[in-house]
Amino acid sequence: MEKFKQNRYLNWESDSNNALVARLERNQRNLMQLRGQLSSYRSEPTTYSLYERLDQLRRAMDRCSKNNKDIITGLKSDQIPMSGYIVEAKKQLNAFREIHKNVESYLINCAEGESEE
C-alpha cells in the first residue's frame, strides 16, 4: 500500500510537470503570435510615445520568452524538483497575461491613431 502511494505521488508530479510544460510552451507560441501582430504594418507607431511603448513591449516579450525557455528546460531535465519551478512558472504565466493585455491596448491605440499618455 505504501508503494502505491509513492507511485501515485510520482505520477501526479510528472503529470503536473507535463501540464506546466505544455502551458509554458503554449505561452511561447502565443508570444510569437503577439510578436507577429506587433510586426504588422497596422501596428506601426505613429508617435514617439507609441514607439517607446512598442519597444518596451518587445523587450518584455523577449524577457518572458527567455524565462519561459529556461523554466521549460529545467522542468524537462528533471534535475531540480518541480516545486523549485512552480513559483517561477506562476510568475511567468502572470507576466504573459500582462504582456497580452498591454499588446491589446497598444494595438487599440494604434488603430485609433493616438497614444495613451
PDB file of N, CA and C in Angstrom:
ATOM      1  N   MET A   1       0.825  -1.194   0.000  1.00  0.00           N
ATOM      2  CA  MET A   1       0.000   0.000   0.000  1.00  0.00           C
ATOM      3  C   MET A   1       0.871   1.261   0.000  1.00  0.00           C
ATOM      4  N   GLU A   2       1.935   1.219   0.766  1.00  0.00           N
ATOM      5  CA  GLU A   2       2.839   2.366   0.832  1.00  0.00           C
ATOM      6  C   GLU A   2       3.480   2.628  -0.537  1.00  0.00           C
ATOM      7  N   LYS A   3       3.855   1.569  -1.223  1.00  0.00           N
ATOM      8  CA  LYS A   3       4.466   1.702  -2.541  1.00  0.00           C
ATOM      9  C   LYS A   3       3.475   2.330  -3.519  1.00  0.00           C
ATOM     10  N   PHE A   4       2.213   1.955  -3.411  1.00  0.00           N
ATOM     11  CA  PHE A   4       1.181   2.508  -4.278  1.00  0.00           C
ATOM     12  C   PHE A   4       1.075   4.020  -4.080  1.00  0.00           C
ATOM     13  N   LYS A   5       1.100   4.468  -2.831  1.00  0.00           N
ATOM     14  CA  LYS A   5       1.012   5.899  -2.544  1.00  0.00           C
ATOM     15  C   LYS A   5       2.204   6.646  -3.130  1.00  0.00           C
ATOM     16  N   GLN A   6       3.387   6.065  -3.028  1.00  0.00           N
ATOM     17  CA  GLN A   6       4.577   6.705  -3.586  1.00  0.00           C
ATOM     18  C   GLN A   6       4.470   6.801  -5.102  1.00  0.00           C
ATOM     19  N   ASN A   7       4.052   5.726  -5.747  1.00  0.00           N
ATOM     20  CA  ASN A   7       3.916   5.736  -7.202  1.00  0.00           C
ATOM     21  C   ASN A   7       2.857   6.737  -7.648  1.00  0.00           C
ATOM     22  N   ARG A   8       1.752   6.805  -6.900  1.00  0.00           N
ATOM     23  CA  ARG A   8       0.697   7.738  -7.259  1.00  0.00           C
ATOM     24  C   ARG A   8       1.211   9.173  -7.157  1.00  0.00           C
ATOM     25  N   TYR A   9       1.991   9.471  -6.130  1.00  0.00           N
ATOM     26  CA  TYR A   9       2.552  10.807  -5.979  1.00  0.00           C
ATOM     27  C   TYR A   9       3.504  11.117  -7.131  1.00  0.00           C
ATOM     28  N   LEU A  10       4.341  10.176  -7.491  1.00  0.00           N
ATOM     29  CA  LEU A  10       5.286  10.392  -8.589  1.00  0.00           C
ATOM     30  C   LEU A  10       4.548  10.622  -9.894  1.00  0.00           C
ATOM     31  N   ASN A  11       3.492   9.856 -10.146  1.00  0.00           N
ATOM     32  CA  ASN A  11       2.714  10.049 -11.371  1.00  0.00           C
ATOM     33  C   ASN A  11       2.047  11.417 -11.379  1.00  0.00           C
ATOM     34  N   TRP A  12       1.512  11.829 -10.216  1.00  0.00           N
ATOM     35  CA  TRP A  12       0.877  13.135 -10.142  1.00  0.00           C
ATOM     36  C   TRP A  12       1.886  14.231 -10.430  1.00  0.00           C
ATOM     37  N   GLU A  13       3.082  14.102  -9.853  1.00  0.00           N
ATOM     38  CA  GLU A  13       4.100  15.123 -10.062  1.00  0.00           C
ATOM     39  C   GLU A  13       4.514  15.187 -11.528  1.00  0.00           C
ATOM     40  N   SER A  14       4.666  14.042 -12.175  1.00  0.00           N
ATOM     41  CA  SER A  14       5.058  14.065 -13.585  1.00  0.00           C
ATOM     42  C   SER A  14       3.925  14.590 -14.457  1.00  0.00           C
ATOM     43  N   ASP A  15       2.661  14.277 -14.105  1.00  0.00           N
ATOM     44  CA  ASP A  15       1.532  14.819 -14.858  1.00  0.00           C
ATOM     45  C   ASP A  15       1.465  16.334 -14.707  1.00  0.00           C
ATOM     46  N   SER A  16       1.655  16.816 -13.494  1.00  0.00           N
ATOM     47  CA  SER A  16       1.653  18.259 -13.257  1.00  0.00           C
ATOM     48  C   SER A  16       2.811  18.918 -13.989  1.00  0.00           C
ATOM     49  N   ASN A  17       3.945  18.256 -13.984  1.00  0.00           N
ATOM     50  CA  ASN A  17       5.126  18.740 -14.680  1.00  0.00           C
ATOM     51  C   ASN A  17       4.821  18.870 -16.172  1.00  0.00           C
ATOM     52  N   ASN A  18       4.228  17.828 -16.750  1.00  0.00           N
ATOM     53  CA  ASN A  18       3.891  17.849 -18.172  1.00  0.00           C
ATOM     54  C   ASN A  18       2.865  18.932 -18.482  1.00  0.00           C
ATOM     55  N   ALA A  19       1.884  19.106 -17.598  1.00  0.00           N
ATOM     56  CA  ALA A  19       0.868  20.133 -17.810  1.00  0.00           C
ATOM     57  C   ALA A  19       1.490  21.523 -17.755  1.00  0.00           C
ATOM     58  N   LEU A  20       2.401  21.720 -16.827  1.00  0.00           N
ATOM     59  CA  LEU A  20       3.064  23.011 -16.699  1.00  0.00           C
ATOM     60  C   LEU A  20       3.946  23.292 -17.910  1.00  0.00           C
ATOM     61  N   VAL A  21       4.654  22.293 -18.364  1.00  0.00           N
ATOM     62  CA  VAL A  21       5.482  22.448 -19.568  1.00  0.00           C
ATOM     63  C   VAL A  21       4.596  22.769 -20.769  1.00  0.00           C
ATOM     64  N   ALA A  22       3.473  22.067 -20.900  1.00  0.00           N
ATOM     65  CA  ALA A  22       2.560  22.309 -22.024  1.00  0.00           C
ATOM     66  C   ALA A  22       2.026  23.736 -21.981  1.00  0.00           C
ATOM     67  N   ARG A  23       1.685  24.203 -20.797  1.00  0.00           N
ATOM     68  CA  ARG A  23       1.158  25.561 -20.655  1.00  0.00           C
ATOM     69  C   ARG A  23       2.218  26.597 -21.024  1.00  0.00           C
ATOM     70  N   LEU A  24       3.439  26.403 -20.559  1.00  0.00           N
ATOM     71  CA  LEU A  24       4.513  27.342 -20.882  1.00  0.00           C
ATOM     72  C   LEU A  24       4.849  27.308 -22.370  1.00  0.00           C
ATOM     73  N   GLU A  25       4.807  26.128 -22.983  1.00  0.00           N
ATOM     74  CA  GLU A  25       5.054  26.035 -24.427  1.00  0.00           C
ATOM     75  C   GLU A  25       3.953  26.743 -25.213  1.00  0.00           C
ATOM     76  N   ARG A  26       2.711  26.629 -24.739  1.00  0.00           N
ATOM     77  CA  ARG A  26       1.608  27.327 -25.395  1.00  0.00           C
ATOM     78  C   ARG A  26       1.812  28.837 -25.276  1.00  0.00           C
ATOM     79  N   ASN A  27       2.272  29.286 -24.111  1.00  0.00           N
ATOM     80  CA  ASN A  27       2.562  30.711 -23.950  1.00  0.00           C
ATOM     81  C   ASN A  27       3.678  31.159 -24.889  1.00  0.00           C
ATOM     82  N   GLN A  28       4.663  30.287 -25.115  1.00  0.00           N
ATOM     83  CA  GLN A  28       5.739  30.607 -26.066  1.00  0.00           C
ATOM     84  C   GLN A  28       5.161  30.832 -27.464  1.00  0.00           C
ATOM     85  N   ARG A  29       4.279  29.928 -27.883  1.00  0.00           N
ATOM     86  CA  ARG A  29       3.651  30.083 -29.206  1.00  0.00           C
ATOM     87  C   ARG A  29       2.825  31.368 -29.269  1.00  0.00           C
ATOM     88  N   ASN A  30       2.098  31.659 -28.191  1.00  0.00           N
ATOM     89  CA  ASN A  30       1.292  32.876 -28.156  1.00  0.00           C
ATOM     90  C   ASN A  30       2.163  34.126 -28.188  1.00  0.00           C
ATOM     91  N   LEU A  31       3.318  34.074 -27.542  1.00  0.00           N
ATOM     92  CA  LEU A  31       4.246  35.202 -27.608  1.00  0.00           C
ATOM     93  C   LEU A  31       4.715  35.438 -29.042  1.00  0.00           C
ATOM     94  N   MET A  32       4.961  34.366 -29.770  1.00  0.00           N
ATOM     95  CA  MET A  32       5.371  34.503 -31.170  1.00  0.00           C
ATOM     96  C   MET A  32       4.246  35.128 -32.005  1.00  0.00           C
ATOM     97  N   GLN A  33       3.007  34.748 -31.722  1.00  0.00           N
ATOM     98  CA  GLN A  33       1.873  35.339 -32.433  1.00  0.00           C
ATOM     99  C   GLN A  33       1.739  36.826 -32.108  1.00  0.00           C
ATOM    100  N   LEU A  34       1.910  37.172 -30.838  1.00  0.00           N
ATOM    101  CA  LEU A  34       1.844  38.581 -30.451  1.00  0.00           C
ATOM    102  C   LEU A  34       2.957  39.376 -31.123  1.00  0.00           C
ATOM    103  N   ARG A  35       4.144  38.777 -31.192  1.00  0.00           N
ATOM    104  CA  ARG A  35       5.260  39.446 -31.863  1.00  0.00           C
ATOM    105  C   ARG A  35       4.926  39.672 -33.342  1.00  0.00           C
ATOM    106  N   GLY A  36       4.275  38.686 -33.954  1.00  0.00           N
ATOM    107  CA  GLY A  36       3.848  38.838 -35.343  1.00  0.00           C
ATOM    108  C   GLY A  36       2.846  39.970 -35.507  1.00  0.00           C
ATOM    109  N   GLN A  37       1.926  40.094 -34.570  1.00  0.00           N
ATOM    110  CA  GLN A  37       0.954  41.185 -34.625  1.00  0.00           C
ATOM    111  C   GLN A  37       1.647  42.536 -34.504  1.00  0.00           C
ATOM    112  N   LEU A  38       2.664  42.600 -33.650  1.00  0.00           N
ATOM    113  CA  LEU A  38       3.380  43.863 -33.482  1.00  0.00           C
ATOM    114  C   LEU A  38       4.254  44.190 -34.692  1.00  0.00           C
ATOM    115  N   SER A  39       4.557  43.191 -35.509  1.00  0.00           N
ATOM    116  CA  SER A  39       5.364  43.420 -36.710  1.00  0.00           C
ATOM    117  C   SER A  39       4.503  43.818 -37.904  1.00  0.00           C
ATOM    118  N   SER A  40       3.209  43.765 -37.745  1.00  0.00           N
ATOM    119  CA  SER A  40       2.285  44.098 -38.820  1.00  0.00           C
ATOM    120  C   SER A  40       2.347  45.592 -39.137  1.00  0.00           C
ATOM    121  N   TYR A  41       2.053  45.932 -40.375  1.00  0.00           N
ATOM    122  CA  TYR A  41       2.049  47.337 -40.766  1.00  0.00           C
ATOM    123  C   TYR A  41       0.971  48.120 -40.006  1.00  0.00           C
ATOM    124  N   ARG A  42      -0.063  47.440 -39.557  1.00  0.00           N
ATOM    125  CA  ARG A  42      -1.145  48.108 -38.832  1.00  0.00           C
ATOM    126  C   ARG A  42      -0.717  48.567 -37.445  1.00  0.00           C
ATOM    127  N   SER A  43       0.371  48.000 -36.942  1.00  0.00           N
ATOM    128  CA  SER A  43       0.808  48.376 -35.596  1.00  0.00           C
ATOM    129  C   SER A  43       2.022  49.298 -35.613  1.00  0.00           C
ATOM    130  N   GLU A  44       2.290  49.904 -36.762  1.00  0.00           N
ATOM    131  CA  GLU A  44       3.405  50.850 -36.838  1.00  0.00           C
ATOM    132  C   GLU A  44       3.119  52.041 -35.929  1.00  0.00           C
ATOM    133  N   PRO A  45       4.081  52.416 -35.105  1.00  0.00           N
ATOM    134  CA  PRO A  45       3.853  53.560 -34.210  1.00  0.00           C
ATOM    135  C   PRO A  45       3.799  54.862 -35.003  1.00  0.00           C
ATOM    136  N   THR A  46       2.856  55.709 -34.632  1.00  0.00           N
ATOM    137  CA  THR A  46       2.713  56.997 -35.318  1.00  0.00           C
ATOM    138  C   THR A  46       3.220  58.155 -34.467  1.00  0.00           C
ATOM    139  N   THR A  47       3.480  57.894 -33.206  1.00  0.00           N
ATOM    140  CA  THR A  47       4.016  58.925 -32.316  1.00  0.00           C
ATOM    141  C   THR A  47       5.221  58.353 -31.578  1.00  0.00           C
ATOM    142  N   TYR A  48       5.980  59.257 -30.990  1.00  0.00           N
ATOM    143  CA  TYR A  48       7.159  58.811 -30.255  1.00  0.00           C
ATOM    144  C   TYR A  48       6.765  57.974 -29.042  1.00  0.00           C
ATOM    145  N   SER A  49       5.695  58.345 -28.378  1.00  0.00           N
ATOM    146  CA  SER A  49       5.278  57.581 -27.191  1.00  0.00           C
ATOM    147  C   SER A  49       4.849  56.166 -27.589  1.00  0.00           C
ATOM    148  N   LEU A  50       4.200  56.021 -28.746  1.00  0.00           N
ATOM    149  CA  LEU A  50       3.846  54.674 -29.217  1.00  0.00           C
ATOM    150  C   LEU A  50       5.098  53.885 -29.585  1.00  0.00           C
ATOM    151  N   TYR A  51       6.080  54.566 -30.149  1.00  0.00           N
ATOM    152  CA  TYR A  51       7.337  53.896 -30.473  1.00  0.00           C
ATOM    153  C   TYR A  51       8.009  53.378 -29.201  1.00  0.00           C
ATOM    154  N   GLU A  52       8.043  54.209 -28.159  1.00  0.00           N
ATOM    155  CA  GLU A  52       8.634  53.780 -26.885  1.00  0.00           C
ATOM    156  C   GLU A  52       7.867  52.601 -26.294  1.00  0.00           C
ATOM    157  N   ARG A  53       6.558  52.673 -26.385  1.00  0.00           N
ATOM    158  CA  ARG A  53       5.728  51.595 -25.850  1.00  0.00           C
ATOM    159  C   ARG A  53       5.962  50.296 -26.606  1.00  0.00           C
ATOM    160  N   LEU A  54       6.074  50.393 -27.926  1.00  0.00           N
ATOM    161  CA  LEU A  54       6.351  49.212 -28.741  1.00  0.00           C
ATOM    162  C   LEU A  54       7.690  48.600 -28.345  1.00  0.00           C
ATOM    163  N   ASP A  55       8.680  49.442 -28.133  1.00  0.00           N
ATOM    164  CA  ASP A  55       9.995  48.962 -27.713  1.00  0.00           C
ATOM    165  C   ASP A  55       9.918  48.270 -26.349  1.00  0.00           C
ATOM    166  N   GLN A  56       9.174  48.846 -25.418  1.00  0.00           N
ATOM    167  CA  GLN A  56       9.000  48.229 -24.099  1.00  0.00           C
ATOM    168  C   GLN A  56       8.303  46.876 -24.210  1.00  0.00           C
ATOM    169  N   LEU A  57       7.283  46.808 -25.050  1.00  0.00           N
ATOM    170  CA  LEU A  57       6.562  45.542 -25.233  1.00  0.00           C
ATOM    171  C   LEU A  57       7.480  44.466 -25.803  1.00  0.00           C
ATOM    172  N   ARG A  58       8.278  44.836 -26.779  1.00  0.00           N
ATOM    173  CA  ARG A  58       9.186  43.855 -27.382  1.00  0.00           C
ATOM    174  C   ARG A  58      10.228  43.362 -26.377  1.00  0.00           C
ATOM    175  N   ARG A  59      10.750  44.276 -25.560  1.00  0.00           N
ATOM    176  CA  ARG A  59      11.716  43.860 -24.544  1.00  0.00           C
ATOM    177  C   ARG A  59      11.067  42.960 -23.496  1.00  0.00           C
ATOM    178  N   ALA A  60       9.841  43.283 -23.104  1.00  0.00           N
ATOM    179  CA  ALA A  60       9.121  42.450 -22.128  1.00  0.00           C
ATOM    180  C   ALA A  60       8.850  41.065 -22.711  1.00  0.00           C
ATOM    181  N   MET A  61       8.512  41.008 -23.999  1.00  0.00           N
ATOM    182  CA  MET A  61       8.274  39.707 -24.638  1.00  0.00           C
ATOM    183  C   MET A  61       9.562  38.906 -24.725  1.00  0.00           C
ATOM    184  N   ASP A  62      10.675  39.565 -24.997  1.00  0.00           N
ATOM    185  CA  ASP A  62      11.965  38.866 -25.037  1.00  0.00           C
ATOM    186  C   ASP A  62      12.316  38.270 -23.675  1.00  0.00           C
ATOM    187  N   ARG A  63      12.125  39.064 -22.614  1.00  0.00           N
ATOM    188  CA  ARG A  63      12.394  38.567 -21.255  1.00  0.00           C
ATOM    189  C   ARG A  63      11.493  37.389 -20.913  1.00  0.00           C
ATOM    190  N   CYS A  64      10.218  37.526 -21.224  1.00  0.00           N
ATOM    191  CA  CYS A  64       9.256  36.467 -20.915  1.00  0.00           C
ATOM    192  C   CYS A  64       9.602  35.196 -21.683  1.00  0.00           C
ATOM    193  N   SER A  65       9.951  35.337 -22.944  1.00  0.00           N
ATOM    194  CA  SER A  65      10.305  34.182 -23.765  1.00  0.00           C
ATOM    195  C   SER A  65      11.550  33.484 -23.224  1.00  0.00           C
ATOM    196  N   LYS A  66      12.557  34.261 -22.859  1.00  0.00           N
ATOM    197  CA  LYS A  66      13.788  33.674 -22.315  1.00  0.00           C
ATOM    198  C   LYS A  66      13.509  32.935 -21.011  1.00  0.00           C
ATOM    199  N   ASN A  67      12.741  33.563 -20.123  1.00  0.00           N
ATOM    200  CA  ASN A  67      12.415  32.915 -18.851  1.00  0.00           C
ATOM    201  C   ASN A  67      11.581  31.657 -19.062  1.00  0.00           C
ATOM    202  N   ASN A  68      10.637  31.708 -20.009  1.00  0.00           N
ATOM    203  CA  ASN A  68       9.845  30.513 -20.327  1.00  0.00           C
ATOM    204  C   ASN A  68      10.756  29.373 -20.767  1.00  0.00           C
ATOM    205  N   LYS A  69      11.683  29.683 -21.662  1.00  0.00           N
ATOM    206  CA  LYS A  69      12.587  28.647 -22.166  1.00  0.00           C
ATOM    207  C   LYS A  69      13.437  28.056 -21.047  1.00  0.00           C
ATOM    208  N   ASP A  70      13.918  28.913 -20.148  1.00  0.00           N
ATOM    209  CA  ASP A  70      14.723  28.427 -19.023  1.00  0.00           C
ATOM    210  C   ASP A  70      13.919  27.491 -18.125  1.00  0.00           C
ATOM    211  N   ILE A  71      12.692  27.870 -17.829  1.00  0.00           N
ATOM    212  CA  ILE A  71      11.848  27.042 -16.959  1.00  0.00           C
ATOM    213  C   ILE A  71      11.490  25.733 -17.647  1.00  0.00           C
ATOM    214  N   ILE A  72      11.147  25.793 -18.927  1.00  0.00           N
ATOM    215  CA  ILE A  72      10.806  24.576 -19.677  1.00  0.00           C
ATOM    216  C   ILE A  72      11.990  23.625 -19.697  1.00  0.00           C
ATOM    217  N   THR A  73      13.177  24.154 -19.962  1.00  0.00           N
ATOM    218  CA  THR A  73      14.381  23.323 -19.976  1.00  0.00           C
ATOM    219  C   THR A  73      14.604  22.677 -18.617  1.00  0.00           C
ATOM    220  N   GLY A  74      14.447  23.445 -17.560  1.00  0.00           N
ATOM    221  CA  GLY A  74      14.625  22.910 -16.214  1.00  0.00           C
ATOM    222  C   GLY A  74      13.610  21.844 -15.869  1.00  0.00           C
ATOM    223  N   LEU A  75      12.358  22.062 -16.250  1.00  0.00           N
ATOM    224  CA  LEU A  75      11.317  21.073 -15.957  1.00  0.00           C
ATOM    225  C   LEU A  75      11.521  19.791 -16.753  1.00  0.00           C
ATOM    226  N   LYS A  76      11.975  19.930 -17.990  1.00  0.00           N
ATOM    227  CA  LYS A  76      12.193  18.740 -18.818  1.00  0.00           C
ATOM    228  C   LYS A  76      13.416  17.951 -18.372  1.00  0.00           C
ATOM    229  N   SER A  77      14.393  18.627 -17.788  1.00  0.00           N
ATOM    230  CA  SER A  77      15.623  17.933 -17.400  1.00  0.00           C
ATOM    231  C   SER A  77      15.450  17.121 -16.122  1.00  0.00           C
ATOM    232  N   ASP A  78      14.461  17.437 -15.314  1.00  0.00           N
ATOM    233  CA  ASP A  78      14.188  16.736 -14.053  1.00  0.00           C
ATOM    234  C   ASP A  78      15.370  16.771 -13.088  1.00  0.00           C
ATOM    235  N   GLN A  79      16.295  17.686 -13.265  1.00  0.00           N
ATOM    236  CA  GLN A  79      17.424  17.788 -12.347  1.00  0.00           C
ATOM    237  C   GLN A  79      17.007  18.446 -11.037  1.00  0.00           C
ATOM    238  N   ILE A  80      16.112  19.409 -11.143  1.00  0.00           N
ATOM    239  CA  ILE A  80      15.607  20.097  -9.962  1.00  0.00           C
ATOM    240  C   ILE A  80      14.135  19.728  -9.827  1.00  0.00           C
ATOM    241  N   PRO A  81      13.660  19.458  -8.608  1.00  0.00           N
ATOM    242  CA  PRO A  81      12.257  19.080  -8.438  1.00  0.00           C
ATOM    243  C   PRO A  81      11.312  20.177  -8.930  1.00  0.00           C
ATOM    244  N   MET A  82      10.147  19.748  -9.326  1.00  0.00           N
ATOM    245  CA  MET A  82       9.164  20.665  -9.874  1.00  0.00           C
ATOM    246  C   MET A  82       8.839  21.794  -8.912  1.00  0.00           C
ATOM    247  N   SER A  83       8.845  21.515  -7.630  1.00  0.00           N
ATOM    248  CA  SER A  83       8.487  22.541  -6.645  1.00  0.00           C
ATOM    249  C   SER A  83       9.389  23.766  -6.756  1.00  0.00           C
ATOM    250  N   GLY A  84      10.598  23.572  -7.240  1.00  0.00           N
ATOM    251  CA  GLY A  84      11.509  24.690  -7.416  1.00  0.00           C
ATOM    252  C   GLY A  84      11.117  25.614  -8.550  1.00  0.00           C
ATOM    253  N   TYR A  85      10.270  25.144  -9.440  1.00  0.00           N
ATOM    254  CA  TYR A  85       9.881  25.937 -10.604  1.00  0.00           C
ATOM    255  C   TYR A  85       8.449  26.445 -10.542  1.00  0.00           C
ATOM    256  N   ILE A  86       7.656  25.970  -9.603  1.00  0.00           N
ATOM    257  CA  ILE A  86       6.240  26.340  -9.582  1.00  0.00           C
ATOM    258  C   ILE A  86       6.051  27.840  -9.412  1.00  0.00           C
ATOM    259  N   VAL A  87       6.750  28.432  -8.470  1.00  0.00           N
ATOM    260  CA  VAL A  87       6.604  29.869  -8.231  1.00  0.00           C
ATOM    261  C   VAL A  87       7.039  30.654  -9.464  1.00  0.00           C
ATOM    262  N   GLU A  88       8.161  30.257 -10.050  1.00  0.00           N
ATOM    263  CA  GLU A  88       8.646  30.947 -11.250  1.00  0.00           C
ATOM    264  C   GLU A  88       7.667  30.790 -12.410  1.00  0.00           C
ATOM    265  N   ALA A  89       7.096  29.608 -12.556  1.00  0.00           N
ATOM    266  CA  ALA A  89       6.138  29.374 -13.635  1.00  0.00           C
ATOM    267  C   ALA A  89       4.894  30.234 -13.447  1.00  0.00           C
ATOM    268  N   LYS A  90       4.421  30.363 -12.224  1.00  0.00           N
ATOM    269  CA  LYS A  90       3.256  31.215 -11.958  1.00  0.00           C
ATOM    270  C   LYS A  90       3.570  32.667 -12.295  1.00  0.00           C
ATOM    271  N   LYS A  91       4.771  33.105 -11.957  1.00  0.00           N
ATOM    272  CA  LYS A  91       5.178  34.470 -12.305  1.00  0.00           C
ATOM    273  C   LYS A  91       5.171  34.652 -13.822  1.00  0.00           C
ATOM    274  N   GLN A  92       5.648  33.641 -14.526  1.00  0.00           N
ATOM    275  CA  GLN A  92       5.689  33.710 -15.984  1.00  0.00           C
ATOM    276  C   GLN A  92       4.288  33.772 -16.582  1.00  0.00           C
ATOM    277  N   LEU A  93       3.378  32.981 -16.037  1.00  0.00           N
ATOM    278  CA  LEU A  93       2.003  32.995 -16.538  1.00  0.00           C
ATOM    279  C   LEU A  93       1.370  34.365 -16.310  1.00  0.00           C
ATOM    280  N   ASN A  94       1.614  34.958 -15.152  1.00  0.00           N
ATOM    281  CA  ASN A  94       1.098  36.302 -14.876  1.00  0.00           C
ATOM    282  C   ASN A  94       1.760  37.344 -15.773  1.00  0.00           C
ATOM    283  N   ALA A  95       3.054  37.200 -16.004  1.00  0.00           N
ATOM    284  CA  ALA A  95       3.763  38.131 -16.890  1.00  0.00           C
ATOM    285  C   ALA A  95       3.203  38.043 -18.302  1.00  0.00           C
ATOM    286  N   PHE A  96       2.904  36.832 -18.763  1.00  0.00           N
ATOM    287  CA  PHE A  96       2.335  36.679 -20.096  1.00  0.00           C
ATOM    288  C   PHE A  96       0.973  37.365 -20.184  1.00  0.00           C
ATOM    289  N   ARG A  97       0.138  37.178 -19.173  1.00  0.00           N
ATOM    290  CA  ARG A  97      -1.187  37.823 -19.182  1.00  0.00           C
ATOM    291  C   ARG A  97      -1.049  39.340 -19.254  1.00  0.00           C
ATOM    292  N   GLU A  98      -0.104  39.877 -18.505  1.00  0.00           N
ATOM    293  CA  GLU A  98       0.123  41.318 -18.506  1.00  0.00           C
ATOM    294  C   GLU A  98       0.609  41.788 -19.881  1.00  0.00           C
ATOM    295  N   ILE A  99       1.514  41.056 -20.479  1.00  0.00           N
ATOM    296  CA  ILE A  99       2.009  41.409 -21.815  1.00  0.00           C
ATOM    297  C   ILE A  99       0.867  41.361 -22.824  1.00  0.00           C
ATOM    298  N   HIS A 100       0.059  40.317 -22.754  1.00  0.00           N
ATOM    299  CA  HIS A 100      -1.069  40.177 -23.681  1.00  0.00           C
ATOM    300  C   HIS A 100      -2.017  41.369 -23.555  1.00  0.00           C
ATOM    301  N   LYS A 101      -2.312  41.756 -22.333  1.00  0.00           N
ATOM    302  CA  LYS A 101      -3.196  42.898 -22.089  1.00  0.00           C
ATOM    303  C   LYS A 101      -2.573  44.181 -22.647  1.00  0.00           C
ATOM    304  N   ASN A 102      -1.283  44.370 -22.435  1.00  0.00           N
ATOM    305  CA  ASN A 102      -0.603  45.571 -22.918  1.00  0.00           C
ATOM    306  C   ASN A 102      -0.517  45.610 -24.439  1.00  0.00           C
ATOM    307  N   VAL A 103      -0.319  44.460 -25.069  1.00  0.00           N
ATOM    308  CA  VAL A 103      -0.282  44.416 -26.533  1.00  0.00           C
ATOM    309  C   VAL A 103      -1.650  44.777 -27.095  1.00  0.00           C
ATOM    310  N   GLU A 104      -2.709  44.239 -26.514  1.00  0.00           N
ATOM    311  CA  GLU A 104      -4.059  44.577 -26.980  1.00  0.00           C
ATOM    312  C   GLU A 104      -4.318  46.074 -26.852  1.00  0.00           C
ATOM    313  N   SER A 105      -3.915  46.648 -25.728  1.00  0.00           N
ATOM    314  CA  SER A 105      -4.085  48.081 -25.516  1.00  0.00           C
ATOM    315  C   SER A 105      -3.290  48.881 -26.550  1.00  0.00           C
ATOM    316  N   TYR A 106      -2.071  48.453 -26.805  1.00  0.00           N
ATOM    317  CA  TYR A 106      -1.229  49.129 -27.797  1.00  0.00           C
ATOM    318  C   TYR A 106      -1.870  49.066 -29.184  1.00  0.00           C
ATOM    319  N   LEU A 107      -2.366  47.896 -29.565  1.00  0.00           N
ATOM    320  CA  LEU A 107      -2.975  47.744 -30.886  1.00  0.00           C
ATOM    321  C   LEU A 107      -4.227  48.607 -31.023  1.00  0.00           C
ATOM    322  N   ILE A 108      -4.990  48.722 -29.955  1.00  0.00           N
ATOM    323  CA  ILE A 108      -6.171  49.589 -29.983  1.00  0.00           C
ATOM    324  C   ILE A 108      -5.741  51.039 -30.162  1.00  0.00           C
ATOM    325  N   ASN A 109      -4.704  51.452 -29.434  1.00  0.00           N
ATOM    326  CA  ASN A 109      -4.205  52.822 -29.577  1.00  0.00           C
ATOM    327  C   ASN A 109      -3.686  53.086 -30.982  1.00  0.00           C
ATOM    328  N   CYS A 110      -3.028  52.111 -31.581  1.00  0.00           N
ATOM    329  CA  CYS A 110      -2.534  52.276 -32.951  1.00  0.00           C
ATOM    330  C   CYS A 110      -3.693  52.406 -33.924  1.00  0.00           C
ATOM    331  N   ALA A 111      -4.729  51.611 -33.732  1.00  0.00           N
ATOM    332  CA  ALA A 111      -5.887  51.658 -34.622  1.00  0.00           C
ATOM    333  C   ALA A 111      -6.602  53.001 -34.512  1.00  0.00           C
ATOM    334  N   GLU A 112      -6.609  53.560 -33.308  1.00  0.00           N
ATOM    335  CA  GLU A 112      -7.259  54.852 -33.103  1.00  0.00           C
ATOM    336  C   GLU A 112      -6.349  56.008 -33.497  1.00  0.00           C
ATOM    337  N   GLY A 113      -5.065  55.709 -33.685  1.00  0.00           N
ATOM    338  CA  GLY A 113      -4.122  56.735 -34.099  1.00  0.00           C
ATOM    339  C   GLY A 113      -3.750  57.709 -33.000  1.00  0.00           C
ATOM    340  N   GLU A 114      -3.846  57.256 -31.769  1.00  0.00           N
ATOM    341  CA  GLU A 114      -3.498  58.138 -30.657  1.00  0.00           C
ATOM    342  C   GLU A 114      -2.637  57.391 -29.663  1.00  0.00           C
ATOM    343  N   SER A 115      -2.021  58.116 -28.778  1.00  0.00           N
ATOM    344  CA  SER A 115      -1.185  57.497 -27.752  1.00  0.00           C
ATOM    345  C   SER A 115      -1.870  57.608 -26.406  1.00  0.00           C
ATOM    346  N   GLU A 116      -1.478  56.707 -25.536  1.00  0.00           N
ATOM    347  CA  GLU A 116      -2.010  56.705 -24.172  1.00  0.00           C
ATOM    348  C   GLU A 116      -0.962  57.337 -23.279  1.00  0.00           C
ATOM    349  N   GLU A 117      -1.148  58.602 -22.973  1.00  0.00           N
ATOM    350  CA  GLU A 117      -0.150  59.310 -22.168  1.00  0.00           C
ATOM    351  C   GLU A 117      -0.740  59.749 -20.870  1.00  0.00           C
TER     352      GLU A 117
END
